[in-house]
């Protein structure tokens, strides 16, 4: 059987894509943030609640670091949800809100915490162009 068919049929959970490029996760740029601890917390929450966490290199909006993209689950996408970009995710409150939202299902399944919604940012132009393809 074709593996791409198997993957497409398997429902995917909500995924947090955590930028750890040139600015996000950089202790020299954001001295008051324990970036390793934040990533450990997100991974522990994912293991506990069944969502996924990935890291990636620079996502682009470095002036809004730390950037985390919340990708909807299969069910969220079916309901019309798209990836949500969150900027300035530097403190415990942001991390708590991201964990809570992802545990509840993320975009298209659960409403984001109000404070987290204030941190939503527009994706860089390149990402928006790729999303339209």
C-alpha atoms as a PDB file:
ATOM      1  CA  UNK A   1       0.000   0.000   0.000  1.00  0.00           C
ATOM      2  CA  UNK A   2       1.185   3.514  -0.735  1.00  0.00           C
ATOM      3  CA  UNK A   3       2.625   5.207   2.413  1.00  0.00           C
ATOM      4  CA  UNK A   4       1.276   8.624   1.431  1.00  0.00           C
ATOM      5  CA  UNK A   5      -2.224   7.155   1.397  1.00  0.00           C
ATOM      6  CA  UNK A   6      -1.696   5.708   4.873  1.00  0.00           C
ATOM      7  CA  UNK A   7      -0.373   9.033   6.201  1.00  0.00           C
ATOM      8  CA  UNK A   8      -3.254  10.979   4.670  1.00  0.00           C
ATOM      9  CA  UNK A   9      -5.789   8.662   6.285  1.00  0.00           C
ATOM     10  CA  UNK A  10      -4.203   8.912   9.754  1.00  0.00           C
ATOM     11  CA  UNK A  11      -5.653  11.834  11.718  1.00  0.00           C
ATOM     12  CA  UNK A  12      -2.949  14.217  12.871  1.00  0.00           C
ATOM     13  CA  UNK A  13      -3.101  16.081  16.148  1.00  0.00           C
ATOM     14  CA  UNK A  14      -2.514  19.774  16.658  1.00  0.00           C
ATOM     15  CA  UNK A  15       1.184  20.624  16.208  1.00  0.00           C
ATOM     16  CA  UNK A  16       3.265  23.424  17.728  1.00  0.00           C
ATOM     17  CA  UNK A  17       6.154  24.458  15.477  1.00  0.00           C
ATOM     18  CA  UNK A  18       8.651  26.258  17.678  1.00  0.00           C
ATOM     19  CA  UNK A  19      11.114  28.586  15.999  1.00  0.00           C
ATOM     20  CA  UNK A  20      14.658  28.140  17.222  1.00  0.00           C
ATOM     21  CA  UNK A  21      16.465  30.085  14.536  1.00  0.00           C
ATOM     22  CA  UNK A  22      18.660  33.137  14.741  1.00  0.00           C
ATOM     23  CA  UNK A  23      16.540  35.150  17.199  1.00  0.00           C
ATOM     24  CA  UNK A  24      13.927  32.858  18.674  1.00  0.00           C
ATOM     25  CA  UNK A  25      15.422  30.786  21.430  1.00  0.00           C
ATOM     26  CA  UNK A  26      18.474  33.024  21.590  1.00  0.00           C
ATOM     27  CA  UNK A  27      19.445  33.695  25.218  1.00  0.00           C
ATOM     28  CA  UNK A  28      21.591  36.673  24.145  1.00  0.00           C
ATOM     29  CA  UNK A  29      18.573  38.398  22.589  1.00  0.00           C
ATOM     30  CA  UNK A  30      16.045  37.517  25.298  1.00  0.00           C
ATOM     31  CA  UNK A  31      18.021  37.142  28.515  1.00  0.00           C
ATOM     32  CA  UNK A  32      15.001  36.824  30.805  1.00  0.00           C
ATOM     33  CA  UNK A  33      13.576  33.778  29.012  1.00  0.00           C
ATOM     34  CA  UNK A  34      14.639  30.219  29.717  1.00  0.00           C
ATOM     35  CA  UNK A  35      14.255  28.940  26.167  1.00  0.00           C
ATOM     36  CA  UNK A  36      15.323  25.366  26.928  1.00  0.00           C
ATOM     37  CA  UNK A  37      12.850  25.159  29.813  1.00  0.00           C
ATOM     38  CA  UNK A  38      10.050  26.494  27.581  1.00  0.00           C
ATOM     39  CA  UNK A  39      10.738  23.845  24.957  1.00  0.00           C
ATOM     40  CA  UNK A  40      10.919  21.139  27.653  1.00  0.00           C
ATOM     41  CA  UNK A  41       7.527  22.266  29.002  1.00  0.00           C
ATOM     42  CA  UNK A  42       5.948  22.228  25.541  1.00  0.00           C
ATOM     43  CA  UNK A  43       7.314  18.736  24.856  1.00  0.00           C
ATOM     44  CA  UNK A  44       6.106  17.466  28.249  1.00  0.00           C
ATOM     45  CA  UNK A  45       2.637  18.902  27.547  1.00  0.00           C
ATOM     46  CA  UNK A  46       2.613  17.253  24.129  1.00  0.00           C
ATOM     47  CA  UNK A  47       3.496  13.892  25.643  1.00  0.00           C
ATOM     48  CA  UNK A  48       0.779  14.278  28.257  1.00  0.00           C
ATOM     49  CA  UNK A  49      -2.010  15.597  26.036  1.00  0.00           C
ATOM     50  CA  UNK A  50      -1.345  13.984  22.646  1.00  0.00           C
ATOM     51  CA  UNK A  51      -0.356  16.931  20.469  1.00  0.00           C
ATOM     52  CA  UNK A  52       2.996  17.350  18.717  1.00  0.00           C
ATOM     53  CA  UNK A  53       5.922  19.750  19.076  1.00  0.00           C
ATOM     54  CA  UNK A  54       8.548  20.318  16.408  1.00  0.00           C
ATOM     55  CA  UNK A  55      11.389  22.794  16.180  1.00  0.00           C
ATOM     56  CA  UNK A  56      12.506  24.571  13.057  1.00  0.00           C
ATOM     57  CA  UNK A  57      15.027  27.136  11.956  1.00  0.00           C
ATOM     58  CA  UNK A  58      14.099  30.760  11.434  1.00  0.00           C
ATOM     59  CA  UNK A  59      10.438  31.318  10.573  1.00  0.00           C
ATOM     60  CA  UNK A  60      10.995  34.938   9.583  1.00  0.00           C
ATOM     61  CA  UNK A  61       9.443  37.568  11.844  1.00  0.00           C
ATOM     62  CA  UNK A  62      12.547  37.944  14.035  1.00  0.00           C
ATOM     63  CA  UNK A  63      11.326  41.229  15.523  1.00  0.00           C
ATOM     64  CA  UNK A  64       8.414  39.269  17.060  1.00  0.00           C
ATOM     65  CA  UNK A  65      10.473  36.448  18.620  1.00  0.00           C
ATOM     66  CA  UNK A  66       9.778  33.925  20.031  1.00  0.00           C
ATOM     67  CA  UNK A  67       7.495  32.713  17.271  1.00  0.00           C
ATOM     68  CA  UNK A  68       5.414  29.544  17.523  1.00  0.00           C
ATOM     69  CA  UNK A  69       3.092  28.328  14.777  1.00  0.00           C
ATOM     70  CA  UNK A  70       0.041  26.375  15.936  1.00  0.00           C
ATOM     71  CA  UNK A  71      -0.990  24.016  13.155  1.00  0.00           C
ATOM     72  CA  UNK A  72      -4.505  22.609  13.334  1.00  0.00           C
ATOM     73  CA  UNK A  73      -5.225  18.936  13.686  1.00  0.00           C
ATOM     74  CA  UNK A  74      -6.844  16.996  10.871  1.00  0.00           C
ATOM     75  CA  UNK A  75     -10.235  17.686  12.456  1.00  0.00           C
ATOM     76  CA  UNK A  76      -9.376  21.378  12.814  1.00  0.00           C
ATOM     77  CA  UNK A  77      -8.417  21.623   9.146  1.00  0.00           C
ATOM     78  CA  UNK A  78     -11.653  19.896   8.167  1.00  0.00           C
ATOM     79  CA  UNK A  79     -13.522  22.601  10.033  1.00  0.00           C
ATOM     80  CA  UNK A  80     -11.682  25.233   7.975  1.00  0.00           C
ATOM     81  CA  UNK A  81      -8.899  26.217  10.385  1.00  0.00           C
ATOM     82  CA  UNK A  82      -5.478  27.354   9.220  1.00  0.00           C
ATOM     83  CA  UNK A  83      -2.149  27.626  10.995  1.00  0.00           C
ATOM     84  CA  UNK A  84      -2.001  30.398  13.587  1.00  0.00           C
ATOM     85  CA  UNK A  85       1.218  32.328  14.151  1.00  0.00           C
ATOM     86  CA  UNK A  86       1.934  33.463  17.697  1.00  0.00           C
ATOM     87  CA  UNK A  87       4.613  36.058  18.409  1.00  0.00           C
ATOM     88  CA  UNK A  88       6.305  37.288  21.557  1.00  0.00           C
ATOM     89  CA  UNK A  89       5.895  33.868  23.240  1.00  0.00           C
ATOM     90  CA  UNK A  90       8.506  34.597  25.877  1.00  0.00           C
ATOM     91  CA  UNK A  91       6.911  34.131  29.276  1.00  0.00           C
ATOM     92  CA  UNK A  92       5.237  31.485  31.405  1.00  0.00           C
ATOM     93  CA  UNK A  93       1.773  32.858  30.690  1.00  0.00           C
ATOM     94  CA  UNK A  94       2.239  32.477  26.926  1.00  0.00           C
ATOM     95  CA  UNK A  95       3.582  28.975  27.386  1.00  0.00           C
ATOM     96  CA  UNK A  96       0.660  28.046  29.665  1.00  0.00           C
ATOM     97  CA  UNK A  97      -1.836  29.435  27.144  1.00  0.00           C
ATOM     98  CA  UNK A  98      -0.215  27.545  24.251  1.00  0.00           C
ATOM     99  CA  UNK A  99      -0.267  24.314  26.264  1.00  0.00           C
ATOM    100  CA  UNK A 100      -3.904  24.761  27.251  1.00  0.00           C
ATOM    101  CA  UNK A 101      -5.048  25.573  23.706  1.00  0.00           C
ATOM    102  CA  UNK A 102      -3.129  22.690  22.113  1.00  0.00           C
ATOM    103  CA  UNK A 103      -4.407  20.264  24.773  1.00  0.00           C
ATOM    104  CA  UNK A 104      -7.967  21.369  23.956  1.00  0.00           C
ATOM    105  CA  UNK A 105      -7.410  20.723  20.232  1.00  0.00           C
ATOM    106  CA  UNK A 106      -6.021  23.998  18.865  1.00  0.00           C
ATOM    107  CA  UNK A 107      -7.301  25.941  15.833  1.00  0.00           C
ATOM    108  CA  UNK A 108     -10.694  24.909  14.543  1.00  0.00           C
ATOM    109  CA  UNK A 109     -11.466  22.850  17.643  1.00  0.00           C
ATOM    110  CA  UNK A 110     -11.072  25.191  20.637  1.00  0.00           C
ATOM    111  CA  UNK A 111     -11.108  28.937  21.121  1.00  0.00           C
ATOM    112  CA  UNK A 112      -7.675  30.336  21.953  1.00  0.00           C
ATOM    113  CA  UNK A 113      -7.147  31.953  25.348  1.00  0.00           C
ATOM    114  CA  UNK A 114      -7.933  35.680  25.054  1.00  0.00           C
ATOM    115  CA  UNK A 115      -4.457  36.825  26.071  1.00  0.00           C
ATOM    116  CA  UNK A 116      -2.846  34.490  23.537  1.00  0.00           C
ATOM    117  CA  UNK A 117      -5.113  35.805  20.777  1.00  0.00           C
ATOM    118  CA  UNK A 118      -3.575  39.240  21.365  1.00  0.00           C
ATOM    119  CA  UNK A 119      -0.213  37.738  20.393  1.00  0.00           C
ATOM    120  CA  UNK A 120      -1.369  36.437  17.006  1.00  0.00           C
ATOM    121  CA  UNK A 121       0.796  37.787  14.189  1.00  0.00           C
ATOM    122  CA  UNK A 122       0.625  37.705  10.424  1.00  0.00           C
ATOM    123  CA  UNK A 123       2.903  35.113   8.852  1.00  0.00           C
ATOM    124  CA  UNK A 124       5.708  36.415   6.675  1.00  0.00           C
ATOM    125  CA  UNK A 125       4.811  37.001   3.051  1.00  0.00           C
ATOM    126  CA  UNK A 126       6.696  33.903   1.857  1.00  0.00           C
ATOM    127  CA  UNK A 127       4.704  31.626   4.162  1.00  0.00           C
ATOM    128  CA  UNK A 128       1.422  33.192   3.058  1.00  0.00           C
ATOM    129  CA  UNK A 129       2.363  32.660  -0.596  1.00  0.00           C
ATOM    130  CA  UNK A 130       3.225  28.976   0.030  1.00  0.00           C
ATOM    131  CA  UNK A 131      -0.059  28.478   1.873  1.00  0.00           C
ATOM    132  CA  UNK A 132      -2.029  29.685  -1.193  1.00  0.00           C
ATOM    133  CA  UNK A 133      -0.391  27.121  -3.506  1.00  0.00           C
END
